[in-house]
Amino acid sequence: MIEVKNLYKSFDGREVLKDISTIFEDGKTNLIIGQSGSGKTVLMKNLVGLFEPTSGQILYDGRDFVRMSKQEKIHMRREMGMIFQSAALFDSLTVLENVMFPLDMFSSMTLRDRQKRAMECLDRVNLVGAEDKFPGEISGGMQKRVAIARAIVMNPKYLFCDEPNSGLDPKTSLVIDDLLHGITQEYDITTIINTHDMNSVMGIGENIIFIYEGHKEWQGVSEDIMGSTNKRLTDFIFASDLLKEMRQAVVTNKTQLR
């Protein structure tokens, strides 16, 4: 579990995050949503230590990440997995070598054991048979699955995903969502996903935090969104006329069934 308490972040005197308090739960897909410039990316960068909060606490199972020493933070980051928006694979390394990279850097395992562990992770993301290919030889969806395998190879307790469905078609996005959700439950990971993908919000949003102009505007689960009376949330989620009509139809139907 990650608990955020009264988090503020300013740049040159301008507050970007304003008194955010929330909990990201174990074994659940925790989604951070909000329009561009709302502060959700800044929030994630504070969580992983790329930014230093102006004030507030970030507690990893009770451990205050903000007040840790540099060495303690380095050790703490070994408990984190990260999936970048672009997958961020090394073009000159094979799929297997990409997945092995964190083990090569941070573990004392033998080469055989590193290869075995990497293959286990490739099997988990259904990529056995692609281990000898290079990133340029596989599809964008497969690249994202390689990135997921690399992110879990060190058995992280916390998994951070920055727009994991960016650039993918809707069908492939659903595959990535199902994979992240399954891995989260299987390994009881605290998974945090920054996303604009409304399919993800409605499909795997077990704990959703909506950021608006730097503060937490709303928090709930996907089932709560249809009936929400928060105008800023509904304006964001149901931005098009078609989606607004769909939401109104659902609300009307629920009212008639009562």
Protein backbone atom coordinates (compact mmCIF):
# COMPACT_ATOMS: atom_id res chain seq x y z
CA MET A 1 0.00 0.00 0.00
CA ILE A 2 1.13 3.52 -0.79
CA GLU A 3 -0.34 6.35 1.26
CA VAL A 4 -0.03 9.99 0.21
CA LYS A 5 -0.58 12.62 2.89
CA ASN A 6 -1.06 16.35 2.25
CA LEU A 7 1.24 16.36 -0.78
CA TYR A 8 2.23 19.67 -2.34
CA LYS A 9 4.57 20.31 -5.26
CA SER A 10 5.55 23.73 -6.58
CA PHE A 11 7.75 24.87 -9.45
CA ASP A 12 9.10 28.43 -9.26
CA GLY A 13 6.39 29.37 -6.79
CA ARG A 14 3.55 27.86 -8.86
CA GLU A 15 1.62 25.10 -7.09
CA VAL A 16 1.11 22.08 -9.34
CA LEU A 17 -0.04 19.62 -6.66
CA LYS A 18 -2.26 20.97 -3.89
CA ASP A 19 -2.84 19.04 -0.67
CA ILE A 20 -3.33 15.59 -2.21
CA SER A 21 -4.13 12.79 0.21
CA THR A 22 -5.04 9.33 -1.03
CA ILE A 23 -4.31 5.62 -0.71
CA PHE A 24 -3.18 3.29 -3.50
CA GLU A 25 -4.23 -0.21 -2.53
CA ASP A 26 -2.44 -3.57 -2.72
CA GLY A 27 -3.69 -6.08 -5.29
CA LYS A 28 -5.70 -3.47 -7.17
CA THR A 29 -5.27 -1.43 -10.34
CA ASN A 30 -5.14 2.14 -9.07
CA LEU A 31 -5.76 4.63 -11.88
CA ILE A 32 -4.81 8.31 -11.94
CA ILE A 33 -6.86 10.23 -14.48
CA GLY A 34 -7.21 13.88 -15.45
CA GLN A 35 -6.83 16.17 -18.42
CA SER A 36 -3.43 17.24 -19.73
CA GLY A 37 -1.78 19.65 -17.32
CA SER A 38 -3.87 18.51 -14.34
CA GLY A 39 -0.84 17.29 -12.41
CA LYS A 40 -1.22 13.52 -12.68
CA THR A 41 2.22 12.99 -14.27
CA VAL A 42 3.82 15.23 -11.64
CA LEU A 43 2.10 13.12 -8.97
CA MET A 44 3.54 9.90 -10.37
CA LYS A 45 7.02 11.43 -10.65
CA ASN A 46 6.81 12.39 -6.97
CA LEU A 47 5.76 8.84 -6.09
CA VAL A 48 8.81 7.29 -7.77
CA GLY A 49 11.27 9.94 -6.58
CA LEU A 50 11.92 11.77 -9.86
CA PHE A 51 10.58 14.92 -8.17
CA GLU A 52 10.96 15.96 -4.55
CA PRO A 53 7.68 17.10 -2.95
CA THR A 54 7.53 20.63 -1.62
CA SER A 55 5.82 19.20 1.47
CA GLY A 56 3.84 16.16 2.53
CA GLN A 57 4.45 12.44 2.96
CA ILE A 58 4.62 9.41 0.69
CA LEU A 59 4.44 6.22 2.75
CA TYR A 60 5.35 2.85 1.25
CA ASP A 61 3.81 0.38 3.68
CA GLY A 62 4.49 2.89 6.43
CA ARG A 63 8.00 3.85 5.25
CA ASP A 64 8.36 7.56 4.54
CA PHE A 65 9.93 7.74 1.08
CA VAL A 66 10.35 11.52 1.18
CA ARG A 67 12.57 11.43 4.25
CA MET A 68 14.70 8.47 3.21
CA SER A 69 18.42 8.95 2.58
CA LYS A 70 19.71 8.73 -0.99
CA GLN A 71 20.97 5.19 -0.36
CA GLU A 72 17.67 4.13 1.17
CA LYS A 73 15.80 5.47 -1.87
CA ILE A 74 18.09 3.52 -4.21
CA HIS A 75 17.30 0.36 -2.27
CA MET A 76 13.59 1.24 -2.25
CA ARG A 77 13.50 1.63 -6.02
CA ARG A 78 14.48 -2.03 -6.35
CA GLU A 79 10.99 -2.78 -5.06
CA MET A 80 9.47 -0.76 -7.92
CA GLY A 81 8.72 -1.74 -11.50
CA MET A 82 8.17 0.90 -14.19
CA ILE A 83 6.44 0.71 -17.56
CA PHE A 84 7.14 3.74 -19.71
CA GLN A 85 4.78 5.25 -22.26
CA SER A 86 7.09 4.39 -25.15
CA ALA A 87 8.05 0.94 -23.74
CA ALA A 88 11.67 2.26 -23.68
CA LEU A 89 13.29 -0.97 -24.86
CA PHE A 90 16.93 -1.13 -25.91
CA ASP A 91 16.99 -1.55 -29.69
CA SER A 92 20.37 -3.27 -29.66
CA LEU A 93 19.27 -5.96 -27.18
CA THR A 94 17.07 -8.95 -27.88
CA VAL A 95 13.71 -9.35 -26.16
CA LEU A 96 15.28 -11.75 -23.66
CA GLU A 97 18.21 -9.41 -22.99
CA ASN A 98 15.82 -6.49 -22.45
CA VAL A 99 13.89 -8.45 -19.82
CA MET A 100 17.12 -9.62 -18.18
CA PHE A 101 18.54 -6.08 -17.97
CA PRO A 102 17.34 -5.27 -14.40
CA LEU A 103 18.67 -8.64 -13.22
CA ASP A 104 22.03 -7.97 -14.90
CA MET A 105 22.21 -4.61 -13.12
CA PHE A 106 20.89 -5.38 -9.66
CA SER A 107 20.94 -9.11 -8.91
CA SER A 108 23.69 -11.56 -8.02
CA MET A 109 21.96 -14.44 -9.82
CA THR A 110 23.92 -16.66 -12.19
CA LEU A 111 23.47 -16.18 -15.93
CA ARG A 112 21.43 -19.36 -16.14
CA ASP A 113 19.12 -18.24 -13.32
CA ARG A 114 18.73 -14.78 -14.87
CA GLN A 115 17.77 -16.33 -18.19
CA LYS A 116 15.34 -18.70 -16.46
CA ARG A 117 13.66 -15.88 -14.56
CA ALA A 118 13.39 -13.73 -17.70
CA MET A 119 11.82 -16.61 -19.62
CA GLU A 120 9.30 -17.12 -16.80
CA CYS A 121 8.23 -13.50 -17.19
CA LEU A 122 8.05 -13.77 -20.99
CA ASP A 123 5.87 -16.84 -20.53
CA ARG A 124 3.59 -14.83 -18.20
CA VAL A 125 3.04 -12.21 -20.93
CA ASN A 126 2.64 -14.87 -23.66
CA LEU A 127 5.85 -14.07 -25.52
CA VAL A 128 7.70 -17.37 -25.44
CA GLY A 129 9.16 -17.79 -28.92
CA ALA A 130 9.98 -14.09 -29.32
CA GLU A 131 12.96 -14.05 -26.96
CA ASP A 132 15.58 -13.90 -29.75
CA LYS A 133 13.90 -11.12 -31.70
CA PHE A 134 14.86 -7.46 -31.48
CA PRO A 135 12.34 -4.72 -30.55
CA GLY A 136 12.24 -3.47 -34.16
CA GLU A 137 11.09 -6.92 -35.28
CA ILE A 138 7.96 -7.07 -33.11
CA SER A 139 4.69 -5.10 -32.96
CA GLY A 140 3.93 -2.21 -30.63
CA GLY A 141 1.66 -4.39 -28.53
CA MET A 142 4.38 -7.02 -28.17
CA GLN A 143 6.85 -4.30 -27.18
CA LYS A 144 4.51 -3.23 -24.39
CA ARG A 145 4.31 -6.83 -23.19
CA VAL A 146 8.12 -7.03 -23.18
CA ALA A 147 8.12 -3.86 -21.07
CA ILE A 148 5.68 -5.48 -18.64
CA ALA A 149 7.86 -8.60 -18.42
CA ARG A 150 10.91 -6.43 -17.70
CA ALA A 151 8.99 -4.46 -15.06
CA ILE A 152 8.03 -7.59 -13.10
CA VAL A 153 11.29 -9.53 -13.46
CA MET A 154 12.57 -8.28 -10.09
CA ASN A 155 9.31 -9.26 -8.33
CA PRO A 156 8.34 -5.65 -7.50
CA LYS A 157 5.90 -4.77 -4.74
CA TYR A 158 4.91 -1.59 -6.58
CA LEU A 159 4.28 -1.22 -10.32
CA PHE A 160 4.03 2.17 -12.05
CA CYS A 161 2.61 2.46 -15.57
CA ASP A 162 2.71 5.70 -17.56
CA GLU A 163 0.08 5.60 -20.32
CA PRO A 164 0.66 1.87 -21.04
CA ASN A 165 -1.91 1.87 -23.88
CA SER A 166 -0.51 4.89 -25.69
CA GLY A 167 -0.28 4.26 -29.44
CA LEU A 168 -2.12 0.93 -29.33
CA ASP A 169 -5.32 -0.05 -31.10
CA PRO A 170 -8.41 -0.71 -28.91
CA LYS A 171 -8.16 -4.51 -29.11
CA THR A 172 -4.47 -4.56 -28.14
CA SER A 173 -5.18 -2.05 -25.35
CA LEU A 174 -7.67 -4.50 -23.84
CA VAL A 175 -5.01 -7.22 -23.90
CA ILE A 176 -2.58 -4.95 -22.02
CA ASP A 177 -5.29 -3.97 -19.50
CA ASP A 178 -6.18 -7.61 -18.82
CA LEU A 179 -2.51 -8.48 -18.44
CA LEU A 180 -1.81 -5.66 -15.97
CA HIS A 181 -4.94 -6.47 -14.00
CA GLY A 182 -4.11 -10.18 -13.87
CA ILE A 183 -0.51 -9.64 -12.80
CA THR A 184 -1.62 -7.16 -10.12
CA GLN A 185 -3.98 -9.66 -8.56
CA GLU A 186 -1.71 -12.66 -9.02
CA TYR A 187 1.29 -11.10 -7.29
CA ASP A 188 -0.65 -8.74 -4.97
CA ILE A 189 1.18 -5.73 -6.39
CA THR A 190 0.26 -2.10 -5.75
CA THR A 191 -0.22 -1.02 -9.37
CA ILE A 192 -0.60 2.66 -10.29
CA ILE A 193 -1.55 3.58 -13.85
CA ASN A 194 -1.57 7.05 -15.41
CA THR A 195 -4.07 6.91 -18.25
CA HIS A 196 -6.32 8.81 -20.66
CA ASP A 197 -7.89 5.56 -21.88
CA MET A 198 -11.55 5.47 -20.86
CA ASN A 199 -11.75 1.76 -21.70
CA SER A 200 -9.14 1.21 -18.99
CA VAL A 201 -11.04 3.43 -16.57
CA MET A 202 -14.28 1.51 -17.02
CA GLY A 203 -12.67 -1.92 -17.42
CA ILE A 204 -10.01 -2.17 -14.70
CA GLY A 205 -10.60 0.95 -12.57
CA GLU A 206 -10.69 -0.66 -9.12
CA ASN A 207 -9.52 2.55 -7.43
CA ILE A 208 -9.65 5.76 -9.49
CA ILE A 209 -8.23 9.13 -8.52
CA PHE A 210 -9.36 12.09 -10.64
CA ILE A 211 -6.94 15.03 -10.52
CA TYR A 212 -8.26 18.47 -11.44
CA GLU A 213 -5.98 21.52 -11.49
CA GLY A 214 -3.58 19.91 -9.06
CA HIS A 215 -5.96 18.65 -6.40
CA LYS A 216 -7.86 15.40 -5.89
CA GLU A 217 -11.32 16.18 -7.20
CA TRP A 218 -12.85 12.68 -6.89
CA GLN A 219 -11.99 9.14 -5.89
CA GLY A 220 -13.98 5.96 -6.41
CA VAL A 221 -14.40 2.83 -8.52
CA SER A 222 -15.49 2.49 -12.13
CA GLU A 223 -19.02 1.46 -11.14
CA ASP A 224 -19.48 4.82 -9.39
CA ILE A 225 -18.72 6.92 -12.46
CA MET A 226 -22.02 6.47 -14.30
CA GLY A 227 -23.98 7.78 -11.34
CA SER A 228 -21.53 10.46 -10.24
CA THR A 229 -22.88 13.97 -9.73
CA ASN A 230 -19.40 15.53 -9.91
CA LYS A 231 -19.69 17.77 -12.95
CA ARG A 232 -15.93 18.11 -13.50
CA LEU A 233 -15.56 14.33 -13.52
CA THR A 234 -18.49 13.71 -15.86
CA ASP A 235 -17.38 16.51 -18.20
CA PHE A 236 -13.98 14.81 -18.43
CA ILE A 237 -15.18 11.23 -18.80
CA PHE A 238 -18.15 11.90 -21.06
CA ALA A 239 -16.60 14.59 -23.25
CA SER A 240 -18.42 13.75 -26.50
CA ASP A 241 -22.15 14.11 -27.16
CA LEU A 242 -22.38 10.37 -27.87
CA LEU A 243 -20.90 9.43 -24.49
CA LYS A 244 -23.15 11.93 -22.75
CA GLU A 245 -26.19 10.34 -24.40
CA MET A 246 -24.99 6.86 -23.38
CA ARG A 247 -24.54 7.96 -19.77
CA GLN A 248 -27.97 9.59 -19.70
CA ALA A 249 -29.53 6.39 -21.05
CA VAL A 250 -27.88 4.33 -18.30
CA VAL A 251 -28.96 6.77 -15.58
CA THR A 252 -32.53 6.87 -16.93
CA ASN A 253 -32.69 3.08 -17.09
CA LYS A 254 -31.52 2.73 -13.49
CA THR A 255 -34.11 5.26 -12.36
CA GLN A 256 -36.92 3.38 -14.12
CA LEU A 257 -35.86 0.07 -12.53
CA ARG A 258 -36.18 1.45 -9.00
